[in-house]
Amino acid sequence: MQIKTGEISALIRQQIKNYSHEIDSSDVGTVVTVGDGIAIVYGLDNAMLSELVIFPNDIYGMVMNLEEHSVGVVLLGDGNLIKEGDTVKRTNRVMEIGVGDELIGRVVNSLGQPIDGLGDIKYNKFRPIERIAPGVMLRKSVDTPLQTGIKAIDAMIPIGRGQRELIIGDRQTGKTAIAIDTIINQKGKGVKCVYVAIGQKNSTVAQIVDKLKKAEAMDYTVVVAATASEAAPLLYVAPYAGCAIAEEWMEQGQDVLIVYDDLSKHAVSYRALSLLLKRSPGREAYPGDIFYLHSRLLERACKLDDAHGGGSITALPIVETQAGDISAYIPTNVISITDGQIFLITDLFNAGQRPAVDSGFSVSRVGGAAQIKAMKQVAGSLKIDLANYNELKSFSQFGSDLDESTKVVLRHGEVLFEVLKQEQYQPYPVERQILELYVAKNKYLEDVKLSSIRPLLNKLYDVFLTSHNDILQYIVDKKIIDENIENKLKNACDDFMNIYKKEF
């Protein structure tokens, strides 16, 4: 019996035609290459951006590149356990994190897993880490102050609930200290706090958590830590995870403070991921969407209107500069997104001015609307007085003979700088700030030795607490220094100076 080739080919064609089983490449893929925390996966045709996919050994990855025939996945676990040819499966879930009150007092990583040794967290709700910021019509203007407890900031660069205020300066100038003081000062004020540590050392995060525990601030704070030893994808995810935690409380009508420490390291981690994913480098080797990276994060901080619960997220992003250069790429990006900046300079810090706030470069674009009237009354001329002092100080270095009016301005500026000094982890209540600034503004301290000013102010507050607490309480309740209370305040300050001035 002879087999004809035509019959064979016809038979094969028929079998192929009837072969209905198609290989589904939409939900399962294969690792093509892996290395440096990045896996290129063939298949996964229906994968979504930011979707979680699962590799062997229960290692998760997040889809970041959607190519024509493959997807780029950043690995959220040990990449050494993954090899070419491994099967990858979709989870049909975008990257999300557990949220809710269960997180308060805990330290978690970027994935919401506890790293404080206090046991597992049972989440009742999860939220995607990325979401579109509330629109213009859902918001209202900033009208409630968020007190930092730091005189120099609450007086000259006030922050309101729902504001985004950048803290910027060189390394070791006290940026984190301002953020931690602000968190500590929220005790008893009904504000929940989220501290996001991006690229910090493990020891640094442990010290911060210890400080917060000692100040009883962990009772209303959650720490999200992506430390320096972790992979770039976890550093990239951290601020979005922290923001998702904060948004859950904001949508329940609560006020939240979130600190991103710091976004310079966040940008560096994103740059590393982008270059490994073969995205085109731009200025300073950052990818072209680096501005969008931070704008979509910081735009989520806002004050919602009453119809949507009236909650707020106040964001304090931190950015590190090199040699005070605020015109670099990342600083200019974040300055343009935020509602003002607190600029810290090394020279002031080294000269003993703590916090080392530069009153000239620092600005708050919306917080003044939330500043209480009593503070405006005592701090209204503060920036101008310091500017006059700084201008005359630079001129006075060239000449020895100064006229009396110049000496008065210089002396007043020295006194103001001394009054604005403040110890770390000791935020002041607003009535104490107003009292000390009132005394400085009305020139009660012009004849006091500079070294005696701070001990004198400590004594002043103690005396007011015991003998004139009604004045302080009036300022707290009414938020204004009217004519009646000003007379009492002036008489009390006169009496104090007559009695105690000689001791200092």
Protein backbone atom coordinates (compact mmCIF):
# COMPACT_ATOMS: atom_id res chain seq x y z
CA MET A 1 0.00 0.00 0.00
CA GLN A 2 1.48 3.32 -1.08
CA ILE A 3 1.02 6.49 1.00
CA LYS A 4 0.67 9.61 -1.06
CA THR A 5 2.28 12.81 0.18
CA GLY A 6 -0.76 14.88 -0.80
CA GLU A 7 -2.99 12.85 1.51
CA ILE A 8 -0.57 13.26 4.41
CA SER A 9 -0.41 17.04 4.01
CA ALA A 10 -4.20 17.23 3.75
CA LEU A 11 -4.53 15.17 6.94
CA ILE A 12 -2.11 17.44 8.81
CA ARG A 13 -3.96 20.52 7.58
CA GLN A 14 -7.24 19.07 8.82
CA GLN A 15 -5.78 18.29 12.25
CA ILE A 16 -4.36 21.82 12.59
CA LYS A 17 -7.70 23.29 11.55
CA ASN A 18 -9.52 21.27 14.20
CA TYR A 19 -6.92 22.04 16.91
CA SER A 20 -9.04 24.38 19.00
CA HIS A 21 -7.01 24.40 22.22
CA GLU A 22 -5.08 27.67 22.32
CA ILE A 23 -2.27 28.33 24.73
CA ASP A 24 -3.41 31.11 27.08
CA SER A 25 -0.55 33.58 27.37
CA SER A 26 -2.60 36.26 29.11
CA ASP A 27 -2.37 34.96 32.70
CA VAL A 28 0.85 32.92 32.63
CA GLY A 29 4.28 34.02 31.46
CA THR A 30 7.87 32.83 31.34
CA VAL A 31 10.97 34.54 32.67
CA VAL A 32 13.23 35.49 29.77
CA THR A 33 15.99 37.28 31.69
CA VAL A 34 16.49 38.16 35.34
CA GLY A 35 19.09 40.26 37.14
CA ASP A 36 19.60 43.38 39.28
CA GLY A 37 16.11 43.03 40.74
CA ILE A 38 14.45 43.14 37.31
CA ALA A 39 12.77 40.29 35.43
CA ILE A 40 11.72 40.45 31.76
CA VAL A 41 8.72 38.14 31.33
CA TYR A 42 7.35 36.83 28.02
CA GLY A 43 3.57 36.52 27.94
CA LEU A 44 1.21 38.07 30.51
CA ASP A 45 -0.57 39.83 27.63
CA ASN A 46 -3.34 41.21 29.86
CA ALA A 47 -1.10 42.35 32.74
CA MET A 48 -1.91 45.76 34.22
CA LEU A 49 0.55 48.48 35.19
CA SER A 50 1.53 48.10 38.88
CA GLU A 51 -0.07 44.63 38.98
CA LEU A 52 1.37 42.07 41.36
CA VAL A 53 2.67 38.89 39.73
CA ILE A 54 3.92 35.81 41.54
CA PHE A 55 7.10 33.86 40.83
CA PRO A 56 8.14 30.45 42.22
CA ASN A 57 9.02 30.36 45.96
CA ASP A 58 6.19 32.87 46.61
CA ILE A 59 8.27 35.83 45.43
CA TYR A 60 6.19 38.76 44.26
CA GLY A 61 6.96 41.28 41.58
CA MET A 62 5.30 44.47 40.32
CA VAL A 63 4.73 45.15 36.62
CA MET A 64 6.32 48.45 35.58
CA ASN A 65 6.94 48.14 31.82
CA LEU A 66 4.33 47.03 29.28
CA GLU A 67 6.10 46.11 26.04
CA GLU A 68 4.60 44.57 22.88
CA HIS A 69 5.72 41.00 23.57
CA SER A 70 6.95 41.15 27.17
CA VAL A 71 6.56 42.96 30.49
CA GLY A 72 9.24 44.39 32.77
CA VAL A 73 8.74 43.32 36.39
CA VAL A 74 10.54 44.74 39.43
CA LEU A 75 11.12 42.09 42.09
CA LEU A 76 9.89 42.59 45.65
CA GLY A 77 11.89 39.65 47.01
CA ASP A 78 15.14 37.75 46.55
CA GLY A 79 15.93 37.71 42.83
CA ASN A 80 18.58 35.01 43.30
CA LEU A 81 15.82 32.41 43.71
CA ILE A 82 14.43 33.17 40.24
CA LYS A 83 15.93 31.76 37.04
CA GLU A 84 15.26 31.90 33.32
CA GLY A 85 12.36 29.72 32.24
CA ASP A 86 10.45 30.05 35.53
CA THR A 87 6.68 30.37 35.27
CA VAL A 88 5.08 33.67 36.31
CA LYS A 89 1.39 34.04 37.16
CA ARG A 90 -0.88 37.05 37.33
CA THR A 91 -2.74 37.83 40.57
CA ASN A 92 -5.24 40.26 38.96
CA ARG A 93 -4.51 42.65 41.85
CA VAL A 94 -2.63 45.92 41.61
CA MET A 95 -0.05 46.69 44.27
CA GLU A 96 -1.91 47.29 47.56
CA ILE A 97 -1.28 47.64 51.28
CA GLY A 98 -3.27 46.93 54.42
CA VAL A 99 -4.76 50.04 56.06
CA GLY A 100 -6.63 50.90 59.24
CA ASP A 101 -6.18 51.59 62.94
CA GLU A 102 -4.40 48.23 63.35
CA LEU A 103 -1.27 49.98 62.06
CA ILE A 104 -1.07 52.60 64.83
CA GLY A 105 2.07 52.18 66.92
CA ARG A 106 3.62 49.72 64.48
CA VAL A 107 6.68 49.72 62.21
CA VAL A 108 6.02 48.09 58.82
CA ASN A 109 7.87 47.70 55.53
CA SER A 110 6.67 48.92 52.12
CA LEU A 111 4.40 45.89 51.74
CA GLY A 112 2.68 46.40 55.11
CA GLN A 113 4.51 43.51 56.77
CA PRO A 114 5.47 44.25 60.41
CA ILE A 115 9.22 44.54 61.10
CA ASP A 116 9.04 45.57 64.77
CA GLY A 117 8.83 42.07 66.26
CA LEU A 118 5.40 42.72 67.80
CA GLY A 119 3.55 39.99 65.90
CA ASP A 120 1.41 39.89 62.78
CA ILE A 121 -1.12 42.55 61.83
CA LYS A 122 -4.62 41.37 60.89
CA TYR A 123 -5.86 43.79 58.25
CA ASN A 124 -9.57 44.27 57.63
CA LYS A 125 -9.07 46.41 54.54
CA PHE A 126 -6.56 46.87 51.71
CA ARG A 127 -6.05 49.86 49.42
CA PRO A 128 -4.13 50.25 46.15
CA ILE A 129 -0.96 52.26 46.78
CA GLU A 130 -1.59 54.41 43.70
CA ARG A 131 -4.73 56.44 43.11
CA ILE A 132 -5.73 59.68 41.44
CA ALA A 133 -5.63 62.68 43.78
CA PRO A 134 -8.94 64.29 44.86
CA GLY A 135 -10.15 66.81 42.28
CA VAL A 136 -10.43 70.56 42.76
CA MET A 137 -14.16 70.45 43.54
CA LEU A 138 -13.65 67.99 46.41
CA ARG A 139 -11.23 70.30 48.23
CA LYS A 140 -11.49 73.38 50.38
CA SER A 141 -8.93 76.01 51.25
CA VAL A 142 -6.56 75.48 54.17
CA ASP A 143 -8.07 77.10 57.29
CA THR A 144 -6.81 75.17 60.34
CA PRO A 145 -3.24 75.49 61.64
CA LEU A 146 -0.97 72.49 62.07
CA GLN A 147 1.33 73.63 64.87
CA THR A 148 4.89 72.31 64.68
CA GLY A 149 5.79 73.52 68.18
CA ILE A 150 8.83 75.28 66.71
CA LYS A 151 8.81 79.06 67.17
CA ALA A 152 10.74 79.92 64.00
CA ILE A 153 8.32 77.92 61.83
CA ASP A 154 4.95 78.62 63.49
CA ALA A 155 5.78 82.35 63.53
CA MET A 156 7.33 82.92 60.08
CA ILE A 157 6.49 79.84 57.95
CA PRO A 158 3.13 78.62 59.30
CA ILE A 159 1.72 75.30 58.12
CA GLY A 160 -2.00 74.56 57.72
CA ARG A 161 -3.78 71.20 57.71
CA GLY A 162 -3.90 70.00 54.11
CA GLN A 163 -0.75 71.86 53.09
CA ARG A 164 2.42 70.44 51.46
CA GLU A 165 5.49 72.10 52.98
CA LEU A 166 8.92 71.04 51.75
CA ILE A 167 11.80 70.74 54.24
CA ILE A 168 15.00 71.25 52.26
CA GLY A 169 18.69 71.58 53.12
CA ASP A 170 22.07 69.87 53.11
CA ARG A 171 22.69 66.70 55.09
CA GLN A 172 23.06 67.09 58.86
CA THR A 173 21.20 70.40 59.11
CA GLY A 174 18.24 69.16 61.19
CA LYS A 175 15.63 68.34 58.52
CA THR A 176 14.41 65.13 60.15
CA ALA A 177 14.49 66.82 63.58
CA ILE A 178 11.87 69.35 62.43
CA ALA A 179 9.62 66.56 61.12
CA ILE A 180 9.95 64.49 64.31
CA ASP A 181 9.28 67.54 66.52
CA THR A 182 6.15 68.22 64.49
CA ILE A 183 4.95 64.63 65.00
CA ILE A 184 5.63 64.88 68.76
CA ASN A 185 3.71 68.17 68.91
CA GLN A 186 0.53 66.52 67.53
CA LYS A 187 0.00 64.71 70.85
CA GLY A 188 -3.55 65.36 72.03
CA LYS A 189 -4.47 67.35 68.90
CA GLY A 190 -6.36 64.58 67.09
CA VAL A 191 -3.86 64.26 64.26
CA LYS A 192 -2.63 60.81 63.19
CA CYS A 193 0.91 60.64 61.82
CA VAL A 194 2.70 58.53 59.21
CA TYR A 195 6.51 58.64 59.04
CA VAL A 196 7.95 57.15 55.84
CA ALA A 197 11.68 56.39 56.03
CA ILE A 198 13.16 55.98 52.53
CA GLY A 199 16.75 54.77 52.28
CA GLN A 200 17.58 55.51 55.93
CA LYS A 201 19.92 53.29 57.92
CA ASN A 202 18.28 50.67 60.13
CA SER A 203 19.95 52.24 63.18
CA THR A 204 18.57 55.69 62.28
CA VAL A 205 15.01 54.36 61.97
CA ALA A 206 15.41 52.53 65.31
CA GLN A 207 16.55 55.78 67.00
CA ILE A 208 13.59 57.71 65.57
CA VAL A 209 11.11 55.05 66.73
CA ASP A 210 12.75 55.13 70.18
CA LYS A 211 12.39 58.93 70.38
CA LEU A 212 8.73 58.70 69.34
CA LYS A 213 8.07 56.02 71.97
CA LYS A 214 9.68 58.10 74.72
CA ALA A 215 7.53 61.08 73.74
CA GLU A 216 4.43 58.79 73.64
CA ALA A 217 4.01 59.75 69.99
CA MET A 218 3.79 56.15 68.73
CA ASP A 219 0.28 56.10 70.24
CA TYR A 220 -0.94 57.89 67.10
CA THR A 221 1.89 57.18 64.61
CA VAL A 222 2.78 54.46 62.10
CA VAL A 223 6.30 54.14 60.67
CA VAL A 224 6.77 52.80 57.13
CA ALA A 225 10.43 51.90 56.68
CA ALA A 226 12.25 51.03 53.44
CA THR A 227 15.81 51.02 54.70
CA ALA A 228 19.07 51.45 52.77
CA SER A 229 19.73 47.70 52.74
CA GLU A 230 16.52 46.92 50.85
CA ALA A 231 16.00 46.62 47.11
CA ALA A 232 15.21 49.69 44.99
CA PRO A 233 11.58 48.58 44.28
CA LEU A 234 10.75 48.65 48.00
CA LEU A 235 12.20 52.18 48.31
CA TYR A 236 10.16 53.23 45.28
CA VAL A 237 6.91 51.79 46.72
CA ALA A 238 7.33 53.15 50.29
CA PRO A 239 5.92 56.71 49.99
CA TYR A 240 2.89 55.54 48.00
CA ALA A 241 2.21 52.87 50.62
CA GLY A 242 2.44 55.49 53.39
CA CYS A 243 0.09 57.79 51.47
CA ALA A 244 -2.48 55.00 51.04
CA ILE A 245 -2.45 54.45 54.82
CA ALA A 246 -2.99 58.19 55.38
CA GLU A 247 -5.77 58.42 52.77
CA GLU A 248 -7.84 55.80 54.56
CA TRP A 249 -7.99 58.03 57.66
CA MET A 250 -8.50 61.21 55.63
CA GLU A 251 -11.57 59.71 53.97
CA GLN A 252 -12.98 58.96 57.43
CA GLY A 253 -12.84 62.72 58.15
CA GLN A 254 -9.63 62.63 60.21
CA ASP A 255 -6.54 64.82 60.00
CA VAL A 256 -3.27 63.13 59.09
CA LEU A 257 0.35 64.30 58.98
CA ILE A 258 2.70 62.38 56.67
CA VAL A 259 6.48 62.82 56.46
CA TYR A 260 8.45 61.57 53.44
CA ASP A 261 12.07 61.24 54.55
CA ASP A 262 13.43 61.70 51.99
CA LEU A 263 12.33 62.13 48.37
CA SER A 264 15.90 62.54 47.08
CA LYS A 265 16.56 58.87 47.83
CA HIS A 266 13.15 57.99 46.41
CA ALA A 267 14.08 59.65 43.11
CA VAL A 268 17.42 57.82 43.06
CA SER A 269 15.68 54.44 43.57
CA TYR A 270 13.27 55.23 40.71
CA ARG A 271 16.17 56.28 38.50
CA ALA A 272 17.88 52.92 39.17
CA LEU A 273 14.70 51.00 38.28
CA SER A 274 14.10 53.04 35.13
CA LEU A 275 17.62 52.61 33.80
CA LEU A 276 17.51 48.87 34.47
CA LEU A 277 14.19 48.73 32.58
CA LYS A 278 15.97 50.42 29.63
CA ARG A 279 13.99 53.66 29.88
CA SER A 280 15.68 56.68 28.33
CA PRO A 281 17.75 58.79 30.73
CA GLY A 282 17.30 62.57 30.76
CA ARG A 283 18.69 65.38 32.90
CA GLU A 284 21.07 64.05 35.59
CA ALA A 285 20.24 60.56 34.20
CA TYR A 286 16.73 60.74 35.71
CA PRO A 287 13.90 59.48 33.46
CA GLY A 288 11.59 61.98 31.82
CA ASP A 289 8.65 61.25 34.16
CA ILE A 290 10.50 61.99 37.41
CA PHE A 291 8.38 65.13 37.92
CA TYR A 292 5.20 63.06 37.54
CA LEU A 293 6.60 60.60 40.09
CA HIS A 294 6.47 63.18 42.90
CA SER A 295 3.54 65.28 41.66
CA ARG A 296 1.14 62.32 41.70
CA LEU A 297 2.30 61.55 45.24
CA LEU A 298 2.15 65.06 46.73
CA GLU A 299 -1.10 66.05 44.99
CA ARG A 300 -2.85 63.44 47.15
CA ALA A 301 -2.24 65.65 50.20
CA CYS A 302 -5.15 68.07 50.57
CA LYS A 303 -8.00 69.32 52.74
CA LEU A 304 -11.35 67.79 51.74
CA ASP A 305 -14.52 69.88 51.92
CA ASP A 306 -17.20 69.22 54.55
CA ALA A 307 -19.39 67.30 52.10
CA HIS A 308 -16.61 64.71 51.78
CA GLY A 309 -15.84 64.47 55.50
CA GLY A 310 -13.51 67.42 55.98
CA GLY A 311 -10.43 65.23 56.50
CA SER A 312 -6.93 66.30 55.53
CA ILE A 313 -3.45 65.05 54.74
CA THR A 314 -0.61 67.44 55.52
CA ALA A 315 2.59 66.39 53.75
CA LEU A 316 6.12 67.27 54.86
CA PRO A 317 8.40 65.98 52.11
CA ILE A 318 12.14 66.21 52.81
CA VAL A 319 14.72 66.81 50.08
CA GLU A 320 18.49 66.84 50.53
CA THR A 321 20.58 69.39 48.64
CA GLN A 322 24.25 69.31 47.70
CA ALA A 323 26.19 72.35 48.98
CA GLY A 324 22.97 74.34 49.33
CA ASP A 325 22.11 74.09 45.63
CA ILE A 326 18.33 74.40 45.47
CA SER A 327 18.48 74.87 41.68
CA ALA A 328 19.30 71.17 41.10
CA TYR A 329 16.77 68.97 39.31
CA ILE A 330 14.93 67.22 42.16
CA PRO A 331 14.83 70.27 44.52
CA THR A 332 13.34 72.52 41.82
CA ASN A 333 10.81 69.82 40.90
CA VAL A 334 9.55 69.38 44.46
CA ILE A 335 9.63 73.14 45.23
CA SER A 336 7.29 73.69 42.27
CA ILE A 337 4.86 71.00 43.49
CA THR A 338 4.68 72.07 47.15
CA ASP A 339 3.02 75.06 48.86
CA GLY A 340 6.25 76.46 50.28
CA GLN A 341 9.57 75.37 51.70
CA ILE A 342 11.51 75.47 54.97
CA PHE A 343 15.11 76.03 53.92
CA LEU A 344 17.82 74.98 56.37
CA ILE A 345 21.40 76.19 55.86
CA THR A 346 24.66 74.74 57.13
CA ASP A 347 26.21 78.08 58.16
CA LEU A 348 23.39 78.85 60.59
CA PHE A 349 23.48 75.30 61.94
CA ASN A 350 27.24 75.46 62.55
CA ALA A 351 26.83 78.87 64.20
CA GLY A 352 24.58 77.25 66.82
CA GLN A 353 21.24 78.46 65.46
CA ARG A 354 18.89 75.51 65.97
CA PRO A 355 16.66 75.08 64.04
CA ALA A 356 18.82 76.53 61.25
CA VAL A 357 15.90 78.06 59.32
CA ASP A 358 16.79 80.67 56.70
CA SER A 359 13.99 83.22 57.02
CA GLY A 360 14.81 84.74 53.62
CA PHE A 361 14.50 81.65 51.40
CA SER A 362 11.79 79.95 53.47
CA VAL A 363 8.17 80.66 52.62
CA SER A 364 4.67 79.33 53.27
CA ARG A 365 2.30 80.07 50.43
CA VAL A 366 -0.99 79.08 52.09
CA GLY A 367 -0.33 78.47 55.81
CA GLY A 368 -0.71 82.16 56.68
CA ALA A 369 -4.46 81.76 56.13
CA ALA A 370 -4.50 79.19 58.95
CA GLN A 371 -2.25 81.08 61.36
CA ILE A 372 -4.06 82.26 64.49
CA LYS A 373 -4.45 86.02 64.84
CA ALA A 374 -2.52 86.23 68.11
CA MET A 375 0.54 84.76 66.38
CA LYS A 376 0.19 87.19 63.47
CA GLN A 377 0.09 90.06 65.97
CA VAL A 378 3.41 89.16 67.61
CA ALA A 379 5.22 87.75 64.56
CA GLY A 380 4.07 90.10 61.81
CA SER A 381 7.33 92.09 61.68
CA LEU A 382 9.65 89.18 62.53
CA LYS A 383 10.81 88.40 58.99
CA ILE A 384 11.47 92.09 58.23
CA ASP A 385 13.40 92.59 61.47
CA LEU A 386 15.60 89.57 60.73
CA ALA A 387 16.12 90.71 57.12
CA ASN A 388 17.20 94.18 58.35
CA TYR A 389 19.57 92.57 60.85
CA ASN A 390 21.15 90.26 58.25
CA GLU A 391 21.63 93.15 55.81
CA LEU A 392 23.22 95.47 58.39
CA LYS A 393 25.30 92.66 59.86
CA SER A 394 27.10 92.08 56.57
CA PHE A 395 27.81 95.83 56.25
CA SER A 396 28.87 96.26 59.87
CA GLN A 397 31.71 93.78 59.37
CA PHE A 398 33.51 96.35 57.19
CA GLY A 399 33.28 99.33 59.53
CA SER A 400 33.95 99.89 63.22
CA ASP A 401 31.99 103.13 63.78
CA LEU A 402 28.27 102.43 63.84
CA ASP A 403 25.57 105.00 64.54
CA GLU A 404 23.05 104.40 67.31
CA SER A 405 20.13 103.42 65.03
CA THR A 406 22.29 100.72 63.40
CA LYS A 407 23.35 99.40 66.81
CA VAL A 408 19.70 99.19 67.88
CA VAL A 409 18.76 97.14 64.79
CA LEU A 410 21.76 94.84 65.24
CA ARG A 411 21.05 94.30 68.93
CA HIS A 412 17.36 93.59 68.29
CA GLY A 413 18.30 91.06 65.58
CA GLU A 414 20.70 89.27 67.93
CA VAL A 415 17.97 89.06 70.57
CA LEU A 416 15.45 87.68 68.04
CA PHE A 417 17.87 84.97 66.89
CA GLU A 418 18.47 83.99 70.50
CA VAL A 419 14.71 83.85 71.20
CA LEU A 420 14.14 81.64 68.13
CA LYS A 421 16.65 79.03 69.33
CA GLN A 422 15.00 75.85 70.55
CA GLU A 423 16.12 72.46 71.82
CA GLN A 424 15.36 69.35 69.78
CA TYR A 425 12.39 67.15 70.85
CA GLN A 426 10.95 70.03 72.92
CA PRO A 427 8.08 71.52 70.93
CA TYR A 428 6.42 74.51 72.60
CA PRO A 429 2.66 75.04 72.96
CA VAL A 430 1.41 77.97 70.91
CA GLU A 431 0.70 80.19 73.96
CA ARG A 432 4.34 79.88 75.07
CA GLN A 433 5.55 80.82 71.59
CA ILE A 434 3.29 83.87 71.54
CA LEU A 435 4.43 84.95 75.03
CA GLU A 436 8.14 84.73 74.15
CA LEU A 437 7.70 86.50 70.81
CA TYR A 438 5.61 89.24 72.51
CA VAL A 439 8.42 89.89 74.98
CA ALA A 440 11.00 90.01 72.17
CA LYS A 441 8.88 92.22 69.91
CA ASN A 442 8.26 94.77 72.66
CA LYS A 443 12.00 94.94 73.44
CA TYR A 444 11.93 93.68 77.02
CA LEU A 445 15.15 91.75 76.38
CA GLU A 446 17.35 94.42 74.78
CA ASP A 447 19.43 94.95 77.96
CA VAL A 448 19.70 91.25 78.89
CA LYS A 449 22.91 89.34 78.15
CA LEU A 450 22.44 86.99 75.17
CA SER A 451 23.49 83.99 77.24
CA SER A 452 20.79 84.81 79.81
CA ILE A 453 17.88 85.23 77.40
CA ARG A 454 16.81 81.59 77.23
CA PRO A 455 17.00 80.95 81.02
CA LEU A 456 15.01 84.17 81.49
CA LEU A 457 12.34 83.02 79.02
CA ASN A 458 12.07 79.65 80.80
CA LYS A 459 11.52 81.51 84.08
CA LEU A 460 8.99 83.82 82.42
CA TYR A 461 6.86 80.88 81.24
CA ASP A 462 7.02 79.20 84.66
CA VAL A 463 5.85 82.42 86.36
CA PHE A 464 2.99 82.84 83.86
CA LEU A 465 1.88 79.23 84.37
CA THR A 466 1.64 79.73 88.14
CA SER A 467 0.57 83.38 88.48
CA HIS A 468 -0.96 84.47 85.15
CA ASN A 469 -2.37 81.29 83.66
CA ASP A 470 -5.64 83.11 82.90
CA ILE A 471 -3.79 85.25 80.32
CA LEU A 472 -2.34 82.18 78.59
CA GLN A 473 -5.72 80.43 78.64
CA TYR A 474 -7.42 83.49 77.14
CA ILE A 475 -4.93 83.47 74.23
CA VAL A 476 -5.55 79.72 73.67
CA ASP A 477 -9.34 80.10 73.73
CA LYS A 478 -9.81 83.39 71.88
CA LYS A 479 -6.73 83.13 69.61
CA ILE A 480 -6.27 86.89 69.75
CA ILE A 481 -4.52 89.53 71.87
CA ASP A 482 -7.21 92.19 72.24
CA GLU A 483 -6.85 95.50 74.08
CA ASN A 484 -8.08 94.13 77.41
CA ILE A 485 -5.69 91.16 77.53
CA GLU A 486 -2.80 93.18 76.11
CA ASN A 487 -2.92 95.53 79.10
CA LYS A 488 -2.84 92.55 81.46
CA LEU A 489 -0.02 90.96 79.45
CA LYS A 490 2.02 94.19 79.45
CA ASN A 491 1.57 94.72 83.21
CA ALA A 492 2.51 91.09 83.95
CA CYS A 493 5.66 91.37 81.78
CA ASP A 494 6.60 94.70 83.43
CA ASP A 495 6.23 93.17 86.90
CA PHE A 496 8.28 90.12 85.91
CA MET A 497 11.14 92.16 84.48
CA ASN A 498 11.23 94.43 87.55
CA ILE A 499 11.52 91.41 89.85
CA TYR A 500 13.72 88.96 87.91
CA LYS A 501 15.80 91.07 85.51
CA LYS A 502 18.58 91.53 88.07
CA GLU A 503 18.98 87.76 88.48
CA PHE A 504 19.85 87.45 84.79
